[in-house]
C-alpha cells in the first residue's frame, strides 16, 4: 500500500506468481478432495475414458522370467525329432549368448499330446494348463531384438532395450486410471527372495518419465507384502498429521509451479492412508474357502508360493486393481527358466511350480465371471534355440528370433493359433509379431490406441510402441 492507501501497481511477474499459486490451490484441493475447477478431477488414478470400447478391464501378466523354450512347451515341432543330433547347417553361433557351446539339434525330451476341441499340442510339462487351451490364443511368431536378459526384459516390459522407460503397466494405468481408489493400480509380485528379482530389478516395473504415481508397487514374496501398513498411532492422530502435511504442501505450492513429483507424493500419502484398511483385507488369502486354496495348490509344497500369488492376483482384479504382474523365476540361470544346462530338470521344476496355480487362476476367473474382463498373459522375454548347449546335462541357449506367448480372457479367441515358426522352431516365419506389436495388442484389448496414448517428454509425444510402426494383432480377438 502507498502512504495514501492506494494499492501499488502489480508487476507482471507478481501477477503470474499469484495466479500460479491460485491454480496450485485448485489442483491440490482436487487431489485431496477429488474435485477441482469446474468439477474436474485431477486424481491421477481416477478412471479415465478409453479410446474405444475395451475388451478387458484388467491385466494379469504371468511373466516366465529367463525365457521358456517354445519348442518344449507350446510350439510342437515333430520334425525336430527327425533331425535330432544333426548339425544345423548355416547356423549363426552368435544367435545365442554362449557361441562356443553350440551343440547339435536336440529334440524335445518331453511327451506331447493334443488337447481340447482345438486339438492344441502341449508338452507334458503342463498337464493342468493343457485343460484350458480352448480359452487361449497362442502367438507362435513373436520375436525380439536382444539375446541378453537385461535388455530383453526391458524391451518386453517397456518397449526399449535401455533402462529408464515406462513399462506396460505404467502406460495402462496412465491411460485408464484405476477402478479402486483404495489400492494401487499396478502391483508386481516376484519370485521368492532366495532367487532374487529379475535382472534389471524394479526398473522392469518403473514409470520412467511418466509421473511416479504410475509405477508398479512391488509386493514382497515373504513377510509383510508392503511396509508400514499397520498404523502405529490412532486414526485421529494420523488424519491430523496428513491434514497438517497437506497444509504445508499447499504453502509450498503457492509460490511455485506444481511439480508432478510433489503431486504424486501427496497422492501417495493419501493412498497409503486408505490402504491401511483395504490392502490387508485384499492380501489375506487365508480368508478364501478351503476348496479354493486346494484348487490353486496352496496345500502343495512345490507350488505353494506361486499359488498364493495367483490367488492374490484374482483377489486384486476382483477389487478393481488394473494391472498385476507375477514373475516366475529369479536372477540367475538355474533360478529361472534360463535353461542353459539341464533343460529337463529346469523346465520340469518351474512347470510344476506354475502349472496348477495358473490353471486354477483361469478356472477361478471364469467361474466368477471375471475372465471375460481380465486379460491373462503368459510368456517370457525371448525363446530358446532348437540346438543344444553343450554340457553334462544339455540345455538350450537364448533365441531372440522366435518365442510363444498366449493370452486368455479379455475378448481373445479360444483355441486359436496365430503365426508360425519354421519346421524346427528356430525363427518366426509366418505373421511375425514384434514386441511392439504385442504391446499394441495389449493396449487394444484395454481400449487404448497405441498411437494416441502419448506423453510429452523432451519435446516429443512419447509412446509405448515408439516411433516405428506397430500393428495390433486383431486376428486373436473374438
Protein backbone atom coordinates (compact mmCIF):
# COMPACT_ATOMS: atom_id res chain seq x y z
CA UNK A 1 0.00 0.00 0.00
CA UNK A 2 1.12 3.58 -0.64
CA UNK A 3 1.15 6.15 2.21
CA UNK A 4 -2.17 7.42 0.84
CA UNK A 5 -3.83 3.99 1.00
CA UNK A 6 -3.73 3.18 -2.69
CA UNK A 7 -2.70 -0.28 -3.96
CA UNK A 8 0.70 -0.32 -5.64
CA UNK A 9 0.65 -1.49 -9.26
CA UNK A 10 1.16 -5.27 -9.64
CA UNK A 11 4.06 -6.32 -11.82
CA UNK A 12 3.60 -8.96 -14.49
CA UNK A 13 5.80 -11.33 -12.52
CA UNK A 14 3.72 -10.85 -9.35
CA UNK A 15 0.53 -11.43 -11.28
CA UNK A 16 1.77 -14.69 -12.81
CA UNK A 17 3.15 -15.86 -9.49
CA UNK A 18 -0.13 -15.24 -7.65
CA UNK A 19 -2.17 -16.76 -10.46
CA UNK A 20 0.04 -19.83 -10.39
CA UNK A 21 -0.48 -20.13 -6.65
CA UNK A 22 -4.22 -20.00 -7.12
CA UNK A 23 -4.10 -22.77 -9.70
CA UNK A 24 -1.97 -24.80 -7.33
CA UNK A 25 -4.63 -24.42 -4.65
CA UNK A 26 -7.30 -25.67 -7.05
CA UNK A 27 -5.22 -28.64 -8.13
CA UNK A 28 -4.24 -29.61 -4.60
CA UNK A 29 -7.80 -29.28 -3.39
CA UNK A 30 -8.87 -31.54 -6.22
CA UNK A 31 -6.28 -34.17 -5.36
CA UNK A 32 -7.17 -34.26 -1.69
CA UNK A 33 -10.88 -33.70 -2.04
CA UNK A 34 -11.48 -35.16 -5.51
CA UNK A 35 -12.88 -32.06 -7.27
CA UNK A 36 -11.11 -29.16 -8.95
CA UNK A 37 -12.06 -26.32 -11.26
CA UNK A 38 -15.45 -26.85 -12.93
CA UNK A 39 -15.79 -30.19 -11.14
CA UNK A 40 -12.87 -31.78 -13.00
CA UNK A 41 -10.94 -34.36 -11.04
CA UNK A 42 -7.14 -34.41 -11.20
CA UNK A 43 -6.52 -37.50 -9.10
CA UNK A 44 -4.11 -39.43 -11.38
CA UNK A 45 -5.85 -42.72 -10.59
CA UNK A 46 -9.37 -41.56 -11.38
CA UNK A 47 -10.83 -43.92 -14.03
CA UNK A 48 -10.48 -42.42 -17.49
CA UNK A 49 -12.47 -42.97 -20.66
CA UNK A 50 -10.65 -45.33 -23.08
CA UNK A 51 -10.20 -44.54 -26.77
CA UNK A 52 -12.75 -47.19 -27.75
CA UNK A 53 -14.83 -49.92 -26.14
CA UNK A 54 -12.38 -52.15 -24.21
CA UNK A 55 -12.44 -55.91 -24.26
CA UNK A 56 -10.76 -56.15 -20.85
CA UNK A 57 -10.71 -54.03 -17.71
CA UNK A 58 -7.61 -55.52 -16.10
CA UNK A 59 -4.46 -57.49 -16.91
CA UNK A 60 -2.71 -60.36 -15.13
CA UNK A 61 0.69 -60.91 -16.76
CA UNK A 62 2.35 -64.21 -15.82
CA UNK A 63 5.98 -63.49 -16.70
CA UNK A 64 8.12 -66.63 -17.06
CA UNK A 65 11.43 -64.94 -16.32
CA UNK A 66 14.51 -66.30 -18.08
CA UNK A 67 12.95 -67.33 -21.37
CA UNK A 68 10.98 -70.60 -21.56
CA UNK A 69 11.62 -72.85 -24.53
CA UNK A 70 8.86 -72.61 -27.11
CA UNK A 71 9.78 -75.98 -28.66
CA UNK A 72 9.39 -77.67 -25.26
CA UNK A 73 6.14 -76.04 -24.15
CA UNK A 74 3.56 -74.91 -26.73
CA UNK A 75 5.24 -74.94 -30.19
CA UNK A 76 5.15 -78.56 -31.30
CA UNK A 77 7.89 -79.46 -33.81
CA UNK A 78 7.82 -83.16 -34.78
CA UNK A 79 10.49 -82.52 -37.43
CA UNK A 80 12.92 -81.62 -34.68
CA UNK A 81 12.79 -85.24 -33.51
CA UNK A 82 13.68 -86.42 -37.03
CA UNK A 83 16.84 -84.30 -37.16
CA UNK A 84 17.86 -84.86 -33.54
CA UNK A 85 21.65 -84.99 -33.15
CA UNK A 86 22.39 -83.44 -36.53
CA UNK A 87 24.31 -80.23 -37.12
CA UNK A 88 22.26 -77.21 -38.12
CA UNK A 89 23.92 -76.06 -41.34
CA UNK A 90 24.39 -72.32 -41.71
CA UNK A 91 23.60 -71.62 -38.07
CA UNK A 92 24.96 -68.34 -36.72
CA UNK A 93 26.61 -69.23 -33.43
CA UNK A 94 26.21 -65.63 -32.25
CA UNK A 95 22.42 -66.06 -32.13
CA UNK A 96 22.59 -67.28 -28.56
CA UNK A 97 24.68 -66.00 -25.68
CA UNK A 98 27.32 -68.76 -25.48
CA UNK A 99 28.68 -69.02 -29.00
CA UNK A 100 31.38 -71.55 -28.09
CA UNK A 101 28.96 -74.03 -26.57
CA UNK A 102 26.73 -74.70 -29.60
CA UNK A 103 25.78 -78.35 -29.95
CA UNK A 104 23.68 -80.28 -32.46
CA UNK A 105 19.93 -80.09 -32.94
CA UNK A 106 18.07 -81.51 -29.96
CA UNK A 107 14.54 -82.86 -29.94
CA UNK A 108 12.18 -82.02 -27.13
CA UNK A 109 12.68 -84.51 -24.29
CA UNK A 110 9.05 -84.13 -23.25
CA UNK A 111 5.98 -86.02 -24.44
CA UNK A 112 3.40 -84.12 -26.49
CA UNK A 113 -0.35 -84.61 -26.79
CA UNK A 114 -3.29 -82.79 -28.33
CA UNK A 115 -5.86 -81.21 -26.04
CA UNK A 116 -9.30 -79.63 -26.17
CA UNK A 117 -11.65 -79.26 -29.08
CA UNK A 118 -8.96 -77.17 -30.78
CA UNK A 119 -6.55 -80.10 -30.76
CA UNK A 120 -3.78 -77.87 -29.40
CA UNK A 121 -0.44 -79.60 -28.90
CA UNK A 122 1.06 -79.13 -25.43
CA UNK A 123 4.03 -80.87 -23.85
CA UNK A 124 3.55 -82.93 -20.69
CA UNK A 125 5.11 -80.11 -18.69
CA UNK A 126 1.60 -78.66 -18.29
CA UNK A 127 -0.99 -81.38 -17.55
CA UNK A 128 -3.37 -78.88 -15.91
CA UNK A 129 -2.83 -75.78 -18.08
CA UNK A 130 -3.43 -78.00 -21.12
CA UNK A 131 -7.03 -78.47 -19.95
CA UNK A 132 -7.66 -74.78 -20.70
CA UNK A 133 -6.24 -74.44 -24.22
CA UNK A 134 -9.69 -73.74 -25.62
CA UNK A 135 -9.65 -70.48 -23.67
CA UNK A 136 -6.30 -69.36 -25.13
CA UNK A 137 -4.98 -67.55 -28.17
CA UNK A 138 -1.41 -68.59 -28.94
CA UNK A 139 1.01 -66.29 -30.78
CA UNK A 140 3.80 -68.56 -32.02
CA UNK A 141 5.67 -65.97 -34.09
CA UNK A 142 6.94 -63.49 -31.51
CA UNK A 143 10.46 -62.12 -31.90
CA UNK A 144 12.66 -59.60 -30.17
CA UNK A 145 15.89 -57.66 -30.70
CA UNK A 146 18.17 -58.82 -27.89
CA UNK A 147 19.67 -62.14 -26.83
CA UNK A 148 20.69 -60.77 -23.42
CA UNK A 149 18.36 -60.91 -20.43
CA UNK A 150 18.50 -57.34 -19.11
CA UNK A 151 17.86 -55.52 -22.40
CA UNK A 152 15.37 -58.19 -23.47
CA UNK A 153 13.48 -57.78 -20.18
CA UNK A 154 13.46 -54.01 -20.61
CA UNK A 155 12.21 -54.38 -24.18
CA UNK A 156 9.46 -56.80 -23.19
CA UNK A 157 8.36 -54.58 -20.34
CA UNK A 158 8.96 -51.08 -21.70
CA UNK A 159 9.40 -51.37 -25.47
CA UNK A 160 13.01 -50.13 -25.21
CA UNK A 161 16.19 -52.14 -24.54
CA UNK A 162 17.53 -49.39 -22.27
CA UNK A 163 16.57 -48.69 -18.67
CA UNK A 164 14.51 -45.74 -17.56
CA UNK A 165 11.38 -46.01 -19.73
CA UNK A 166 7.77 -46.57 -18.61
CA UNK A 167 6.60 -50.17 -18.55
CA UNK A 168 3.36 -51.51 -19.98
CA UNK A 169 1.63 -51.49 -16.59
CA UNK A 170 2.50 -47.84 -16.11
CA UNK A 171 1.21 -46.90 -19.57
CA UNK A 172 -2.05 -48.77 -18.98
CA UNK A 173 -2.69 -47.12 -15.62
CA UNK A 174 -1.68 -43.73 -17.04
CA UNK A 175 -4.20 -44.21 -19.84
CA UNK A 176 -7.05 -45.67 -17.78
CA UNK A 177 -6.54 -44.90 -14.09
CA UNK A 178 -7.83 -47.38 -11.54
CA UNK A 179 -11.30 -48.52 -10.53
CA UNK A 180 -10.12 -48.91 -6.94
CA UNK A 181 -9.15 -45.74 -5.06
CA UNK A 182 -8.03 -47.76 -2.02
CA UNK A 183 -5.42 -50.00 -3.67
CA UNK A 184 -2.50 -49.32 -6.03
CA UNK A 185 -3.43 -49.53 -9.69
CA UNK A 186 -0.38 -51.61 -10.64
CA UNK A 187 1.04 -54.38 -8.43
CA UNK A 188 4.04 -56.65 -9.01
CA UNK A 189 4.89 -59.96 -7.36
CA UNK A 190 8.31 -61.57 -7.73
CA UNK A 191 9.84 -64.98 -7.12
CA UNK A 192 10.78 -65.89 -3.54
CA UNK A 193 13.65 -63.83 -2.13
CA UNK A 194 16.19 -66.67 -2.19
CA UNK A 195 16.05 -66.48 -6.01
CA UNK A 196 16.10 -62.71 -6.29
CA UNK A 197 14.43 -60.24 -8.62
CA UNK A 198 14.58 -60.42 -12.43
CA UNK A 199 17.63 -58.78 -13.97
CA UNK A 200 17.10 -55.05 -14.08
CA UNK A 201 15.15 -55.32 -10.83
CA UNK A 202 12.49 -52.64 -10.21
CA UNK A 203 13.27 -50.83 -13.46
CA UNK A 204 11.15 -53.52 -15.13
CA UNK A 205 8.06 -52.04 -13.45
CA UNK A 206 9.14 -48.42 -13.28
CA UNK A 207 7.22 -45.40 -14.56
CA UNK A 208 10.19 -43.87 -16.39
CA UNK A 209 9.32 -40.33 -17.48
CA UNK A 210 5.64 -40.77 -16.53
CA UNK A 211 4.60 -39.38 -13.13
CA UNK A 212 5.76 -41.75 -10.39
CA UNK A 213 2.15 -42.33 -9.34
CA UNK A 214 2.01 -44.84 -12.23
CA UNK A 215 4.97 -47.03 -11.25
CA UNK A 216 4.38 -50.59 -10.08
CA UNK A 217 4.09 -51.35 -6.37
CA UNK A 218 6.24 -54.36 -5.52
CA UNK A 219 4.85 -56.86 -3.04
CA UNK A 220 7.42 -58.75 -1.02
CA UNK A 221 7.16 -62.51 -1.61
CA UNK A 222 7.90 -63.21 2.05
CA UNK A 223 6.80 -61.48 5.24
CA UNK A 224 4.83 -58.21 5.10
CA UNK A 225 3.89 -57.51 1.48
CA UNK A 226 4.20 -53.73 1.97
CA UNK A 227 5.93 -51.88 4.79
CA UNK A 228 4.05 -49.84 7.37
CA UNK A 229 0.53 -50.93 6.52
CA UNK A 230 -0.22 -51.29 10.22
CA UNK A 231 -0.72 -47.83 11.77
CA UNK A 232 1.40 -47.07 14.84
CA UNK A 233 -0.86 -44.23 16.02
CA UNK A 234 -4.60 -43.72 16.32
CA UNK A 235 -6.65 -42.97 13.25
CA UNK A 236 -7.46 -39.48 14.53
CA UNK A 237 -3.82 -38.53 15.08
CA UNK A 238 -2.82 -39.94 11.69
CA UNK A 239 -5.58 -37.96 9.97
CA UNK A 240 -4.40 -34.82 11.76
CA UNK A 241 -0.83 -35.44 10.57
CA UNK A 242 -1.98 -35.83 6.97
CA UNK A 243 -4.03 -32.66 7.20
CA UNK A 244 -1.00 -30.76 8.54
CA UNK A 245 1.15 -32.21 5.77
CA UNK A 246 -1.44 -31.13 3.20
CA UNK A 247 -1.35 -27.59 4.60
CA UNK A 248 2.45 -27.48 4.40
CA UNK A 249 2.28 -28.73 0.80
CA UNK A 250 -0.27 -26.06 -0.04
CA UNK A 251 2.02 -23.41 1.41
CA UNK A 252 4.85 -24.76 -0.74
CA UNK A 253 2.72 -24.85 -3.86
CA UNK A 254 1.61 -21.22 -3.55
CA UNK A 255 4.93 -19.84 -4.66
CA UNK A 256 5.90 -22.28 -7.37
CA UNK A 257 4.63 -24.23 -10.33
CA UNK A 258 3.06 -27.59 -9.49
CA UNK A 259 5.78 -30.25 -9.68
CA UNK A 260 4.39 -33.60 -10.78
CA UNK A 261 6.62 -35.43 -8.31
CA UNK A 262 5.16 -33.47 -5.38
CA UNK A 263 1.66 -34.16 -6.64
CA UNK A 264 2.49 -37.86 -6.82
CA UNK A 265 3.88 -37.76 -3.29
CA UNK A 266 0.77 -36.04 -1.96
CA UNK A 267 -1.41 -38.65 -3.62
CA UNK A 268 0.77 -41.49 -2.29
CA UNK A 269 0.28 -40.31 1.30
CA UNK A 270 -3.49 -40.31 0.89
CA UNK A 271 -3.47 -43.69 -0.86
CA UNK A 272 -1.24 -45.18 1.85
CA UNK A 273 -3.75 -43.98 4.46
CA UNK A 274 -6.65 -45.64 2.65
CA UNK A 275 -4.61 -48.79 2.01
CA UNK A 276 -4.17 -49.45 5.72
CA UNK A 277 -7.71 -50.76 5.70
CA UNK A 278 -8.14 -52.06 2.15
CA UNK A 279 -4.77 -53.74 1.47
CA UNK A 280 -4.59 -56.17 4.43
CA UNK A 281 -8.04 -57.45 3.51
CA UNK A 282 -7.12 -57.82 -0.18
CA UNK A 283 -3.85 -59.59 0.61
CA UNK A 284 -5.39 -62.02 3.10
CA UNK A 285 -5.75 -65.17 1.02
CA UNK A 286 -6.34 -67.09 4.24
CA UNK A 287 -9.97 -65.94 4.10
CA UNK A 288 -10.56 -68.00 0.97
CA UNK A 289 -12.57 -71.24 1.27
CA UNK A 290 -10.54 -74.44 1.61
CA UNK A 291 -11.67 -75.77 -1.76
CA UNK A 292 -10.30 -72.63 -3.47
CA UNK A 293 -6.98 -72.95 -1.65
CA UNK A 294 -6.71 -76.56 -2.77
CA UNK A 295 -7.70 -75.63 -6.32
CA UNK A 296 -4.70 -73.30 -6.56
CA UNK A 297 -2.34 -75.73 -4.80
CA UNK A 298 -1.75 -73.89 -1.54
CA UNK A 299 -1.55 -77.32 0.13
CA UNK A 300 1.22 -78.41 -2.26
CA UNK A 301 4.77 -77.56 -1.18
CA UNK A 302 6.19 -77.44 -4.72
CA UNK A 303 3.77 -74.74 -5.91
CA UNK A 304 2.54 -73.07 -2.71
CA UNK A 305 4.30 -69.73 -3.27
CA UNK A 306 3.11 -69.24 -6.86
CA UNK A 307 -0.36 -70.49 -5.91
CA UNK A 308 -0.62 -67.75 -3.31
CA UNK A 309 0.43 -65.12 -5.81
CA UNK A 310 -2.07 -66.26 -8.43
CA UNK A 311 -4.87 -66.34 -5.86
CA UNK A 312 -3.91 -62.87 -4.68
CA UNK A 313 -3.94 -61.65 -8.29
CA UNK A 314 -7.55 -62.82 -8.61
CA UNK A 315 -8.47 -61.04 -5.39
CA UNK A 316 -6.80 -57.84 -6.60
CA UNK A 317 -8.50 -57.61 -10.00
CA UNK A 318 -11.75 -58.51 -8.26
CA UNK A 319 -11.26 -55.34 -6.18
CA UNK A 320 -10.54 -53.07 -9.13
CA UNK A 321 -6.75 -53.24 -9.48
CA UNK A 322 -5.89 -52.50 -13.10
CA UNK A 323 -2.61 -54.37 -13.72
CA UNK A 324 -0.94 -57.29 -11.93
CA UNK A 325 2.37 -58.81 -12.97
CA UNK A 326 3.77 -62.03 -11.46
CA UNK A 327 7.34 -63.20 -12.10
CA UNK A 328 8.21 -66.88 -12.04
CA UNK A 329 11.97 -67.22 -11.70
CA UNK A 330 14.63 -65.01 -10.19
CA UNK A 331 18.01 -63.55 -11.05
CA UNK A 332 20.40 -66.31 -12.12
CA UNK A 333 20.31 -69.08 -14.69
CA UNK A 334 19.00 -72.17 -12.92
CA UNK A 335 16.96 -69.99 -10.57
CA UNK A 336 14.78 -69.01 -13.52
CA UNK A 337 13.53 -70.52 -16.77
CA UNK A 338 17.01 -69.82 -18.23
CA UNK A 339 17.83 -73.45 -19.08
CA UNK A 340 21.45 -73.28 -20.28
CA UNK A 341 22.00 -76.61 -18.54
CA UNK A 342 19.70 -79.46 -17.60
CA UNK A 343 16.71 -78.48 -19.72
CA UNK A 344 14.67 -81.34 -18.27
CA UNK A 345 15.30 -80.52 -14.62
CA UNK A 346 14.96 -76.77 -15.12
CA UNK A 347 11.71 -76.70 -17.09
CA UNK A 348 10.16 -79.61 -15.20
CA UNK A 349 10.77 -77.83 -11.91
CA UNK A 350 9.37 -74.45 -12.92
CA UNK A 351 6.44 -76.04 -14.73
CA UNK A 352 5.49 -77.95 -11.60
CA UNK A 353 5.56 -74.70 -9.64
CA UNK A 354 3.29 -72.85 -12.05
CA UNK A 355 1.05 -75.41 -13.79
CA UNK A 356 -1.63 -75.94 -11.15
CA UNK A 357 -1.79 -72.30 -9.95
CA UNK A 358 -2.18 -70.92 -13.49
CA UNK A 359 -4.81 -73.49 -14.41
CA UNK A 360 -6.65 -72.66 -11.19
CA UNK A 361 -6.45 -68.94 -11.91
CA UNK A 362 -8.10 -69.42 -15.31
CA UNK A 363 -10.79 -71.67 -13.86
CA UNK A 364 -11.45 -69.38 -10.90
CA UNK A 365 -11.67 -66.24 -13.02
CA UNK A 366 -14.09 -68.00 -15.35
CA UNK A 367 -16.38 -69.32 -12.62
CA UNK A 368 -16.61 -65.84 -11.10
CA UNK A 369 -17.38 -64.18 -14.42
CA UNK A 370 -14.08 -62.27 -14.31
CA UNK A 371 -12.24 -63.91 -17.20
CA UNK A 372 -14.14 -62.03 -19.89
CA UNK A 373 -12.95 -58.74 -18.35
CA UNK A 374 -9.42 -59.89 -17.44
CA UNK A 375 -6.63 -60.39 -19.96
CA UNK A 376 -4.28 -63.14 -18.76
CA UNK A 377 -0.86 -63.24 -20.47
CA UNK A 378 1.81 -65.97 -20.31
CA UNK A 379 5.33 -65.67 -21.74
CA UNK A 380 8.97 -64.69 -21.20
CA UNK A 381 11.45 -62.22 -22.64
CA UNK A 382 12.60 -64.49 -25.52
CA UNK A 383 12.67 -68.15 -26.55
CA UNK A 384 15.28 -70.92 -26.78
CA UNK A 385 17.26 -72.41 -29.64
CA UNK A 386 16.46 -75.80 -31.19
CA UNK A 387 20.12 -76.73 -30.93
CA UNK A 388 21.58 -77.93 -27.65
CA UNK A 389 24.01 -76.12 -25.41
CA UNK A 390 26.88 -78.48 -24.63
CA UNK A 391 27.24 -79.85 -21.13
CA UNK A 392 26.81 -82.94 -18.96
CA UNK A 393 23.10 -82.24 -18.96
CA UNK A 394 22.34 -80.34 -22.17
CA UNK A 395 20.27 -77.18 -22.14
CA UNK A 396 19.23 -74.57 -24.67
CA UNK A 397 20.66 -71.10 -25.28
CA UNK A 398 18.73 -67.85 -25.84
CA UNK A 399 16.78 -67.35 -29.04
CA UNK A 400 15.52 -63.83 -29.89
CA UNK A 401 14.15 -64.95 -33.26
CA UNK A 402 11.19 -66.99 -32.01
CA UNK A 403 9.08 -67.46 -28.91
CA UNK A 404 5.49 -68.18 -27.97
CA UNK A 405 3.10 -66.23 -25.76
CA UNK A 406 -0.52 -66.99 -25.04
CA UNK A 407 -3.40 -64.86 -23.89
CA UNK A 408 -6.70 -65.87 -22.33
CA UNK A 409 -9.85 -63.94 -21.46
CA UNK A 410 -10.11 -60.26 -22.29
CA UNK A 411 -12.01 -60.87 -25.52
CA UNK A 412 -9.46 -63.14 -27.22
CA UNK A 413 -10.45 -66.18 -29.26
CA UNK A 414 -10.23 -69.55 -27.57
CA UNK A 415 -8.20 -72.40 -29.03
CA UNK A 416 -6.72 -70.06 -31.64
CA UNK A 417 -3.19 -70.13 -33.07
CA UNK A 418 -1.57 -67.19 -34.81
CA UNK A 419 1.75 -67.14 -36.66
CA UNK A 420 4.28 -69.92 -37.01
CA UNK A 421 7.95 -70.73 -36.76
CA UNK A 422 9.95 -72.81 -39.20
CA UNK A 423 9.92 -76.61 -39.00
CA UNK A 424 12.49 -76.73 -36.19
CA UNK A 425 11.27 -73.68 -34.25
CA UNK A 426 14.37 -71.58 -34.83
CA UNK A 427 12.79 -68.50 -36.43
CA UNK A 428 9.36 -66.90 -36.72
CA UNK A 429 8.42 -67.07 -40.40
CA UNK A 430 4.64 -66.62 -40.71
CA UNK A 431 2.87 -63.46 -39.46
CA UNK A 432 5.81 -62.30 -37.37
CA UNK A 433 4.91 -60.37 -34.22
CA UNK A 434 7.47 -57.97 -32.80
CA UNK A 435 7.37 -56.94 -29.15
CA UNK A 436 5.90 -53.54 -30.11
CA UNK A 437 3.05 -55.36 -31.94
CA UNK A 438 2.50 -57.39 -28.79
CA UNK A 439 2.33 -54.18 -26.75
CA UNK A 440 -0.08 -52.55 -29.20
CA UNK A 441 -2.30 -55.62 -28.88
CA UNK A 442 -2.36 -55.44 -25.07
CA UNK A 443 -3.31 -51.76 -25.24
CA UNK A 444 -6.02 -52.51 -27.80
CA UNK A 445 -7.54 -55.14 -25.51
CA UNK A 446 -7.77 -52.42 -22.84
CA UNK A 447 -9.45 -49.98 -25.22
CA UNK A 448 -6.32 -47.88 -25.80
CA UNK A 449 -4.99 -46.77 -29.18
CA UNK A 450 -1.19 -47.14 -29.10
CA UNK A 451 -0.87 -44.20 -31.50
CA UNK A 452 -2.93 -41.88 -29.28
CA UNK A 453 -1.61 -42.91 -25.87
CA UNK A 454 1.21 -40.36 -25.60
CA UNK A 455 3.11 -38.33 -23.00
CA UNK A 456 5.06 -35.17 -23.73
CA UNK A 457 8.70 -35.67 -22.74
CA UNK A 458 11.82 -33.90 -24.01
CA UNK A 459 9.72 -32.11 -26.61
CA UNK A 460 8.27 -35.28 -28.12
CA UNK A 461 4.98 -37.14 -27.76
CA UNK A 462 6.40 -40.39 -26.42
CA UNK A 463 4.61 -43.73 -26.97
CA UNK A 464 4.96 -47.24 -25.59
CA UNK A 465 5.37 -48.54 -29.14
CA UNK A 466 7.95 -45.89 -30.11
CA UNK A 467 8.39 -44.26 -33.48
CA UNK A 468 8.49 -47.45 -35.55
CA UNK A 469 5.31 -48.89 -36.96
CA UNK A 470 3.40 -51.23 -34.68
CA UNK A 471 0.42 -53.41 -35.58
CA UNK A 472 -2.38 -54.70 -33.38
CA UNK A 473 -2.80 -58.45 -33.83
CA UNK A 474 -6.54 -58.11 -34.30
CA UNK A 475 -6.86 -61.68 -35.54
CA UNK A 476 -6.70 -63.03 -31.97
CA UNK A 477 -9.77 -61.12 -30.82
CA UNK A 478 -13.20 -62.69 -30.95
